[in-house]
Amino acid sequence: MLERIHRSTTLLALAVTACGVGTSDASRGSTVRDSAGIQIVENTQPGWSAANAWRLADAPATTMGAAEGDPDHEFYQVRGAVRLSDGTIVVANGGTHQLRFYGPDGALTSTAGRQGSGPGEFEMLASLEKLADDSLLALDMRHRRLSVFTADGQHVRDVPLQGSSPLLFVTLIGPLGDGTFLASAPNVRMGPDLFNRPLGPTRDSIQLVRVDASGATVDTLGVFPGPRVNVKSVDMGPRTMPMGVPVVFSSMTVTAAAEGVAYVGITDTYEIAAYAPTGEVRRIIRKTHAPRVVTEADKERYQELIRSRAAPTGNAQMRAMMQQMSAVMADAEFAETFPAFGRMLVDAGGNLWVSDSRPSDDEPQHWTVFDSDGRLLGGTTIPAKLVVTEIGADYVLGHQTDELEIQHILLYDLIKPEAASR
């Protein structure tokens, strides 16, 4: 079913391009074709002018994070951050296995969770989502369960993920607005096959599934391409085992979820499909894109980053892991071109934000914004190294690691000139 869905998407797109009746709006730089209920939106020019484009304020309105000495503001392994309707910022701090609640003034007001396997406890806090009523949904990857908390941090219930137990890891993408959630998992299963993978180049895949409030898998949206890898025999201490070494800058499948829609983009080309929660393709969004070639300078910059992360910092276990990764990636293969795009997020107004792929985290980020109909609005610049976790109606929230390896939570005002609306 999954591969059939993915193949049918491609065939329908070709059919619509070939024979669909289209409408064009030169002022908006978009053409819409429709066939069999599926829209193809071709975008060539932004709707915004330089004067009315959305932009972030020059400096953050809220900054949290400190070096040693203030445990309330020491962040480590931040796995998510959201802002509630009363201005409270909730941070999923994986290093302490907690959800931390901060008032609008930046002061810590409460915490929820701790390390453990009991109700509302975490062993591997992986992500945090905000639901429509400001309740919170946290994923523990090791326990393979979702934990629900109220807006003030009271634990409500734990939801074991029932339908994907053979899979190694599950990533929560977000709520779909109908009581279900979009999740993904690499299509690699536990058992002997994991340790007997044939050596050589291959391309892994991921499953996208819809999970209900009980943790059961309702249905599967599809099987989609993962990153290209080279399976190599790697010395893991007590044994040698095959490991999939990613092709650096390889294309992959990128996802986002919002009320009533799941966005799926395979980054070989600039094309994003909008699915209904039940699996039907509603819209395909395209944007003119010129592939960027991976240069020798890009490769050296990446290798230097890997070497720097293997430097003797942190605890012994982390140092050993990073040094092993550095050794494995020393002779990694590189893709010929960068992916067509990077991450995707949906803001509070239903607009789709898509980041460009970048050769280095030190460069400012360029994000492209499409409206809920798939039409290109324009572009916005995000500060370098800011990992965006949520985009509200008038703010952008994320976390950033500075040159001293200190993590900060930053909230920027999002400025929207009135003339920017279509």
Protein backbone atom coordinates (compact mmCIF):
# COMPACT_ATOMS: atom_id res chain seq x y z
CA MET A 1 0.00 0.00 0.00
CA LEU A 2 2.75 2.44 0.96
CA GLU A 3 4.80 2.15 -2.19
CA ARG A 4 1.61 2.18 -4.24
CA ILE A 5 0.65 5.51 -2.70
CA HIS A 6 4.07 6.99 -3.47
CA ARG A 7 4.03 5.72 -7.08
CA SER A 8 0.48 6.95 -7.64
CA THR A 9 1.50 10.42 -6.46
CA THR A 10 4.16 10.60 -9.14
CA LEU A 11 1.84 9.29 -11.86
CA LEU A 12 -0.92 11.70 -10.93
CA ALA A 13 1.50 14.61 -10.96
CA LEU A 14 2.62 13.67 -14.45
CA ALA A 15 -0.96 13.33 -15.62
CA VAL A 16 -1.95 16.71 -14.19
CA THR A 17 1.07 18.41 -15.72
CA ALA A 18 0.28 16.90 -19.10
CA CYS A 19 -3.45 17.48 -19.35
CA GLY A 20 -4.77 19.54 -16.43
CA VAL A 21 -6.56 22.82 -17.01
CA GLY A 22 -4.56 25.59 -15.36
CA THR A 23 -4.95 29.15 -14.14
CA SER A 24 -2.09 31.62 -14.07
CA ASP A 25 -1.48 34.77 -12.04
CA ALA A 26 1.64 36.54 -13.22
CA SER A 27 1.53 38.99 -10.32
CA ARG A 28 1.77 36.09 -7.91
CA GLY A 29 4.21 34.07 -10.00
CA SER A 30 2.13 30.91 -9.69
CA THR A 31 0.19 28.59 -11.96
CA VAL A 32 -2.41 26.16 -10.65
CA ARG A 33 -3.49 23.07 -12.55
CA ASP A 34 -6.22 20.75 -11.40
CA SER A 35 -6.96 17.18 -12.42
CA ALA A 36 -8.93 14.46 -10.64
CA GLY A 37 -9.14 16.62 -7.52
CA ILE A 38 -5.38 17.14 -7.21
CA GLN A 39 -3.88 20.59 -7.60
CA ILE A 40 -0.41 21.20 -9.01
CA VAL A 41 0.88 24.61 -7.90
CA GLU A 42 3.90 25.80 -9.91
CA ASN A 43 5.70 28.76 -8.28
CA THR A 44 8.25 30.94 -10.05
CA GLN A 45 8.03 34.36 -8.33
CA PRO A 46 7.24 35.49 -4.76
CA GLY A 47 4.08 37.38 -3.91
CA TRP A 48 5.91 39.65 -1.47
CA SER A 49 7.97 42.64 -2.49
CA ALA A 50 11.19 43.42 -0.63
CA ALA A 51 9.34 46.14 1.30
CA ASN A 52 6.50 44.01 2.62
CA ALA A 53 8.23 40.68 3.26
CA TRP A 54 7.93 39.14 6.71
CA ARG A 55 11.09 39.41 8.80
CA LEU A 56 12.45 38.70 12.25
CA ALA A 57 13.32 41.50 14.64
CA ASP A 58 17.01 42.35 14.76
CA ALA A 59 17.37 41.01 18.32
CA PRO A 60 15.46 38.37 20.29
CA ALA A 61 12.66 39.52 22.56
CA THR A 62 13.41 36.68 24.99
CA THR A 63 16.73 34.97 25.68
CA MET A 64 17.27 32.14 28.15
CA GLY A 65 20.36 30.07 28.80
CA ALA A 66 23.42 30.35 31.00
CA ALA A 67 26.73 28.72 31.76
CA GLU A 68 27.34 26.83 34.99
CA GLY A 69 25.97 28.52 38.08
CA ASP A 70 22.31 28.93 37.22
CA PRO A 71 20.79 25.45 37.00
CA ASP A 72 17.35 26.87 36.14
CA HIS A 73 18.80 28.19 32.87
CA GLU A 74 21.35 25.51 32.04
CA PHE A 75 20.09 23.70 28.95
CA TYR A 76 21.52 20.49 27.58
CA GLN A 77 20.18 18.34 24.75
CA VAL A 78 17.17 20.56 24.06
CA ARG A 79 14.61 18.42 22.21
CA GLY A 80 11.90 21.01 21.63
CA ALA A 81 10.36 24.27 22.79
CA VAL A 82 6.83 25.67 22.46
CA ARG A 83 5.02 28.80 23.60
CA LEU A 84 1.60 28.53 25.27
CA SER A 85 -1.23 31.02 24.85
CA ASP A 86 -0.41 32.79 28.14
CA GLY A 87 3.20 33.39 27.07
CA THR A 88 4.69 30.45 28.99
CA ILE A 89 7.60 28.82 27.18
CA VAL A 90 7.98 25.07 27.71
CA VAL A 91 11.37 23.50 26.99
CA ALA A 92 12.00 19.77 26.58
CA ASN A 93 15.43 19.50 28.21
CA GLY A 94 16.69 16.03 27.38
CA GLY A 95 19.80 16.34 29.53
CA THR A 96 17.72 16.44 32.73
CA HIS A 97 14.74 14.40 31.39
CA GLN A 98 12.39 17.29 32.14
CA LEU A 99 9.82 19.63 30.71
CA ARG A 100 10.66 23.09 32.05
CA PHE A 101 8.07 25.87 32.26
CA TYR A 102 9.20 29.51 32.04
CA GLY A 103 7.01 32.57 32.54
CA PRO A 104 6.96 35.49 30.08
CA ASP A 105 9.71 37.13 32.17
CA GLY A 106 11.98 34.11 31.62
CA ALA A 107 11.78 32.83 35.21
CA LEU A 108 11.41 29.10 35.80
CA THR A 109 7.94 28.44 37.24
CA SER A 110 7.75 24.64 37.35
CA THR A 111 9.05 21.38 35.92
CA ALA A 112 7.50 18.08 34.91
CA GLY A 113 9.09 14.68 34.50
CA ARG A 114 12.37 13.19 35.61
CA GLN A 115 14.58 10.27 34.67
CA GLY A 116 12.86 6.93 35.10
CA SER A 117 10.38 4.48 33.68
CA GLY A 118 7.34 5.42 35.80
CA PRO A 119 4.32 7.45 34.69
CA GLY A 120 5.37 10.79 33.20
CA GLU A 121 9.08 9.94 33.45
CA PHE A 122 11.61 9.81 30.64
CA GLU A 123 14.68 7.85 29.66
CA MET A 124 15.10 9.37 26.19
CA LEU A 125 13.04 12.54 25.82
CA ALA A 126 12.96 13.04 22.06
CA SER A 127 10.40 15.71 21.14
CA LEU A 128 7.64 18.01 22.37
CA GLU A 129 4.39 19.06 20.67
CA LYS A 130 1.74 21.57 21.71
CA LEU A 131 -1.90 20.62 21.14
CA ALA A 132 -4.79 22.99 20.41
CA ASP A 133 -5.83 23.35 24.07
CA ASP A 134 -2.23 24.05 25.22
CA SER A 135 -1.84 20.52 26.51
CA LEU A 136 1.55 18.97 25.78
CA LEU A 137 2.65 15.76 24.12
CA ALA A 138 6.16 14.44 24.79
CA LEU A 139 7.79 11.44 23.12
CA ASP A 140 10.11 9.09 24.99
CA MET A 141 11.96 7.15 22.32
CA ARG A 142 13.37 4.50 24.66
CA HIS A 143 10.05 3.70 26.33
CA ARG A 144 8.29 4.04 22.95
CA ARG A 145 5.47 6.04 24.44
CA LEU A 146 3.80 9.44 24.39
CA SER A 147 3.18 11.32 27.63
CA VAL A 148 0.39 13.90 27.90
CA PHE A 149 0.68 16.88 30.27
CA THR A 150 -1.59 19.82 31.03
CA ALA A 151 -0.52 23.40 30.32
CA ASP A 152 0.68 23.72 33.93
CA GLY A 153 2.70 20.50 33.82
CA GLN A 154 0.34 18.00 35.42
CA HIS A 155 0.82 14.50 34.05
CA VAL A 156 -2.39 13.18 32.47
CA ARG A 157 -1.53 9.82 30.95
CA ASP A 158 1.04 7.78 29.05
CA VAL A 159 0.26 6.32 25.64
CA PRO A 160 2.36 3.33 24.52
CA LEU A 161 3.02 3.21 20.78
CA GLN A 162 1.42 -0.11 19.90
CA GLY A 163 1.49 -0.41 16.15
CA SER A 164 5.16 -0.03 15.27
CA SER A 165 6.98 -2.26 17.75
CA PRO A 166 9.26 -3.94 15.16
CA LEU A 167 10.75 -0.58 14.21
CA LEU A 168 13.87 0.77 15.84
CA PHE A 169 12.98 4.42 16.32
CA VAL A 170 9.85 6.53 16.09
CA THR A 171 9.80 10.29 15.47
CA LEU A 172 6.69 12.30 16.30
CA ILE A 173 6.02 14.84 13.53
CA GLY A 174 2.90 16.47 14.88
CA PRO A 175 -0.89 16.43 15.37
CA LEU A 176 -3.17 16.26 12.33
CA GLY A 177 -6.13 17.95 14.01
CA ASP A 178 -8.45 14.94 13.92
CA GLY A 179 -7.22 13.27 17.11
CA THR A 180 -4.40 11.45 15.31
CA PHE A 181 -0.70 12.18 14.98
CA LEU A 182 1.76 11.81 12.14
CA ALA A 183 4.87 9.81 13.02
CA SER A 184 7.80 8.40 11.09
CA ALA A 185 10.24 5.57 11.58
CA PRO A 186 13.19 4.21 9.60
CA ASN A 187 12.12 1.09 7.76
CA VAL A 188 14.78 -1.02 9.49
CA ARG A 189 13.65 -3.84 11.74
CA MET A 190 15.15 -5.50 14.75
CA GLY A 191 16.51 -9.00 14.39
CA PRO A 192 19.23 -10.83 12.46
CA ASP A 193 18.69 -8.75 9.31
CA LEU A 194 19.94 -5.66 11.12
CA PHE A 195 23.36 -7.25 11.67
CA ASN A 196 23.61 -8.92 8.27
CA ARG A 197 23.02 -6.04 5.88
CA PRO A 198 24.89 -6.43 2.60
CA LEU A 199 27.83 -4.05 2.27
CA GLY A 200 27.80 -1.31 -0.34
CA PRO A 201 25.66 1.64 -1.47
CA THR A 202 21.92 1.56 -0.80
CA ARG A 203 19.04 3.86 0.05
CA ASP A 204 17.10 3.28 3.23
CA SER A 205 13.43 4.16 3.53
CA ILE A 206 11.08 5.53 6.16
CA GLN A 207 7.47 4.77 7.01
CA LEU A 208 4.96 7.53 7.70
CA VAL A 209 2.13 6.36 9.93
CA ARG A 210 -0.94 7.86 11.58
CA VAL A 211 -1.23 7.10 15.31
CA ASP A 212 -4.41 7.60 17.34
CA ALA A 213 -4.87 8.72 20.95
CA SER A 214 -4.45 5.14 22.19
CA GLY A 215 -1.05 4.80 20.53
CA ALA A 216 -2.29 2.38 17.88
CA THR A 217 -1.32 2.80 14.25
CA VAL A 218 -4.50 3.73 12.36
CA ASP A 219 -3.00 3.43 8.89
CA THR A 220 0.15 4.06 6.91
CA LEU A 221 0.58 7.10 4.75
CA GLY A 222 3.41 5.63 2.72
CA VAL A 223 6.96 4.31 2.47
CA PHE A 224 9.30 7.05 1.27
CA PRO A 225 13.01 7.31 0.47
CA GLY A 226 15.43 7.90 3.30
CA PRO A 227 19.01 9.15 2.85
CA ARG A 228 21.47 7.37 0.62
CA VAL A 229 24.01 5.38 2.63
CA ASN A 230 27.06 3.19 2.18
CA VAL A 231 26.89 0.11 4.40
CA LYS A 232 30.36 -0.51 5.81
CA SER A 233 31.83 -2.94 8.30
CA VAL A 234 32.57 -0.88 11.42
CA ASP A 235 34.47 -1.90 14.54
CA MET A 236 32.07 -1.39 17.45
CA GLY A 237 34.37 -2.70 20.18
CA PRO A 238 33.21 -6.19 21.13
CA ARG A 239 32.12 -6.91 17.55
CA THR A 240 32.29 -5.70 13.99
CA MET A 241 28.94 -4.92 12.44
CA PRO A 242 27.54 -3.34 9.28
CA MET A 243 26.66 0.33 9.63
CA GLY A 244 24.93 2.59 7.15
CA VAL A 245 27.25 5.59 6.70
CA PRO A 246 25.18 8.46 5.25
CA VAL A 247 26.16 10.03 1.97
CA VAL A 248 26.81 13.61 3.10
CA PHE A 249 24.26 16.13 1.76
CA SER A 250 22.15 13.28 0.38
CA SER A 251 18.52 13.95 -0.43
CA MET A 252 15.86 12.49 1.87
CA THR A 253 12.20 12.75 2.79
CA VAL A 254 11.17 15.80 4.84
CA THR A 255 7.81 16.06 6.62
CA ALA A 256 5.53 18.44 8.51
CA ALA A 257 2.04 18.14 10.01
CA ALA A 258 -0.80 20.57 10.54
CA GLU A 259 -4.55 20.46 11.01
CA GLY A 260 -5.95 18.31 8.21
CA VAL A 261 -2.74 18.02 6.19
CA ALA A 262 0.55 16.11 6.14
CA TYR A 263 3.30 17.63 4.01
CA VAL A 264 5.84 15.25 2.46
CA GLY A 265 8.76 16.36 0.33
CA ILE A 266 11.49 14.23 -1.26
CA THR A 267 14.41 16.62 -1.61
CA ASP A 268 15.79 15.32 -4.91
CA THR A 269 13.60 18.04 -6.45
CA TYR A 270 11.66 21.03 -5.12
CA GLU A 271 8.32 19.26 -4.89
CA ILE A 272 6.12 18.90 -1.81
CA ALA A 273 2.93 16.82 -1.62
CA ALA A 274 0.08 17.76 0.71
CA TYR A 275 -1.77 14.66 1.93
CA ALA A 276 -5.10 14.37 3.68
CA PRO A 277 -4.78 12.44 6.98
CA THR A 278 -6.45 9.48 5.25
CA GLY A 279 -3.70 9.29 2.64
CA GLU A 280 -5.12 11.03 -0.44
CA VAL A 281 -2.92 13.56 -2.20
CA ARG A 282 -4.66 16.93 -2.33
CA ARG A 283 -1.97 19.21 -3.69
CA ILE A 284 1.56 19.15 -5.10
CA ILE A 285 3.64 22.29 -4.56
CA ARG A 286 6.61 23.07 -6.80
CA LYS A 287 9.09 25.93 -6.92
CA THR A 288 11.69 26.84 -9.51
CA HIS A 289 15.01 25.60 -8.19
CA ALA A 290 18.59 25.54 -9.52
CA PRO A 291 20.61 22.69 -7.93
CA ARG A 292 23.68 23.82 -6.00
CA VAL A 293 26.83 21.82 -6.64
CA VAL A 294 28.78 20.46 -3.62
CA THR A 295 32.30 21.92 -3.90
CA GLU A 296 35.61 20.77 -2.44
CA ALA A 297 35.39 23.68 0.01
CA ASP A 298 31.99 22.40 1.16
CA LYS A 299 33.47 18.95 1.76
CA GLU A 300 36.41 20.31 3.75
CA ARG A 301 34.13 22.52 5.84
CA TYR A 302 32.00 19.50 6.71
CA GLN A 303 35.00 17.34 7.62
CA GLU A 304 36.35 20.12 9.82
CA LEU A 305 33.01 20.24 11.63
CA ILE A 306 33.16 16.49 12.27
CA ARG A 307 36.73 16.81 13.55
CA SER A 308 35.77 19.66 15.89
CA ARG A 309 32.95 17.61 17.36
CA ALA A 310 35.42 14.86 18.18
CA ALA A 311 37.47 17.25 20.31
CA PRO A 312 38.10 16.18 23.94
CA THR A 313 35.07 17.87 25.53
CA GLY A 314 32.11 16.49 27.43
CA ASN A 315 32.00 13.16 29.27
CA ALA A 316 34.09 10.14 28.31
CA GLN A 317 31.21 8.28 26.69
CA MET A 318 30.30 11.26 24.51
CA ARG A 319 33.95 11.81 23.52
CA ALA A 320 34.35 8.17 22.54
CA MET A 321 31.16 8.24 20.48
CA MET A 322 32.10 11.44 18.65
CA GLN A 323 35.63 10.22 17.98
CA GLN A 324 34.26 7.00 16.52
CA MET A 325 31.85 8.99 14.36
CA SER A 326 34.71 11.17 13.15
CA ALA A 327 36.70 8.09 12.16
CA VAL A 328 33.74 6.57 10.31
CA MET A 329 32.96 9.82 8.47
CA ALA A 330 36.57 10.54 7.54
CA ASP A 331 36.15 8.84 4.16
CA ALA A 332 32.43 9.50 3.72
CA GLU A 333 31.02 9.91 0.24
CA PHE A 334 29.43 13.24 -0.73
CA ALA A 335 26.42 13.89 -2.92
CA GLU A 336 27.04 15.81 -6.14
CA THR A 337 24.46 18.49 -5.31
CA PHE A 338 22.77 19.75 -2.18
CA PRO A 339 19.17 18.75 -1.44
CA ALA A 340 16.57 21.02 -3.01
CA PHE A 341 15.42 22.10 0.47
CA GLY A 342 15.83 21.29 4.16
CA ARG A 343 13.31 21.34 7.01
CA MET A 344 9.57 22.11 6.91
CA LEU A 345 7.34 23.68 9.57
CA VAL A 346 3.74 24.91 9.56
CA ASP A 347 3.03 28.19 11.37
CA ALA A 348 0.01 29.15 13.46
CA GLY A 349 -1.76 30.52 10.38
CA GLY A 350 -1.35 27.36 8.33
CA ASN A 351 1.48 28.71 6.16
CA LEU A 352 4.20 26.24 5.17
CA TRP A 353 7.79 27.29 5.89
CA VAL A 354 10.57 25.47 4.01
CA SER A 355 14.27 26.03 4.70
CA ASP A 356 16.98 26.01 2.08
CA SER A 357 19.70 23.41 2.51
CA ARG A 358 22.99 24.95 3.66
CA PRO A 359 26.60 23.78 3.43
CA SER A 360 27.36 25.17 6.90
CA ASP A 361 25.48 25.95 10.11
CA ASP A 362 27.50 29.19 10.29
CA GLU A 363 25.52 30.70 7.42
CA PRO A 364 22.23 32.58 7.96
CA GLN A 365 19.22 30.49 7.03
CA HIS A 366 16.82 31.31 4.22
CA TRP A 367 13.27 30.01 4.66
CA THR A 368 10.60 30.13 1.94
CA VAL A 369 6.98 30.68 2.97
CA PHE A 370 3.98 29.26 1.08
CA ASP A 371 0.39 30.01 1.99
CA SER A 372 -2.07 27.24 2.85
CA ASP A 373 -3.00 26.98 -0.85
CA GLY A 374 0.60 26.28 -1.82
CA ARG A 375 1.28 29.70 -3.38
CA LEU A 376 4.69 31.23 -2.84
CA LEU A 377 4.64 34.25 -0.52
CA GLY A 378 8.36 34.95 -0.25
CA GLY A 379 11.49 34.41 1.77
CA THR A 380 12.63 35.18 5.32
CA THR A 381 16.10 35.10 6.87
CA ILE A 382 16.64 33.23 10.15
CA PRO A 383 19.83 33.65 12.23
CA ALA A 384 22.59 31.07 11.78
CA LYS A 385 22.48 28.05 14.11
CA LEU A 386 18.96 28.81 15.34
CA VAL A 387 17.02 25.53 15.38
CA VAL A 388 13.45 26.69 14.87
CA THR A 389 10.93 24.71 16.92
CA GLU A 390 7.74 26.76 16.54
CA ILE A 391 6.44 29.63 14.41
CA GLY A 392 3.53 31.51 15.90
CA ALA A 393 1.37 34.29 14.49
CA ASP A 394 3.91 36.92 15.56
CA TYR A 395 7.00 35.06 16.81
CA VAL A 396 9.65 32.50 15.93
CA LEU A 397 10.91 30.28 18.76
CA GLY A 398 13.98 28.06 18.76
CA HIS A 399 17.24 27.10 20.41
CA GLN A 400 20.82 27.93 19.54
CA THR A 401 24.25 26.70 20.68
CA ASP A 402 26.97 29.32 21.01
CA GLU A 403 30.74 29.03 20.52
CA LEU A 404 31.14 27.91 24.16
CA GLU A 405 28.65 25.05 23.56
CA ILE A 406 26.05 26.77 25.76
CA GLN A 407 22.48 26.26 24.60
CA HIS A 408 20.05 29.18 24.58
CA ILE A 409 16.30 29.47 24.05
CA LEU A 410 15.50 32.45 21.83
CA LEU A 411 12.18 34.03 20.88
CA TYR A 412 12.12 36.59 18.06
CA ASP A 413 9.22 38.85 17.15
CA LEU A 414 7.96 38.13 13.63
CA ILE A 415 7.23 41.40 11.83
CA LYS A 416 4.52 41.25 9.18
CA PRO A 417 3.89 44.46 7.24
CA GLU A 418 0.18 44.69 6.48
CA ALA A 419 0.84 45.00 2.74
CA ALA A 420 2.40 41.53 2.74
CA SER A 421 -0.97 39.83 2.65
CA ARG A 422 -2.08 38.63 -0.78
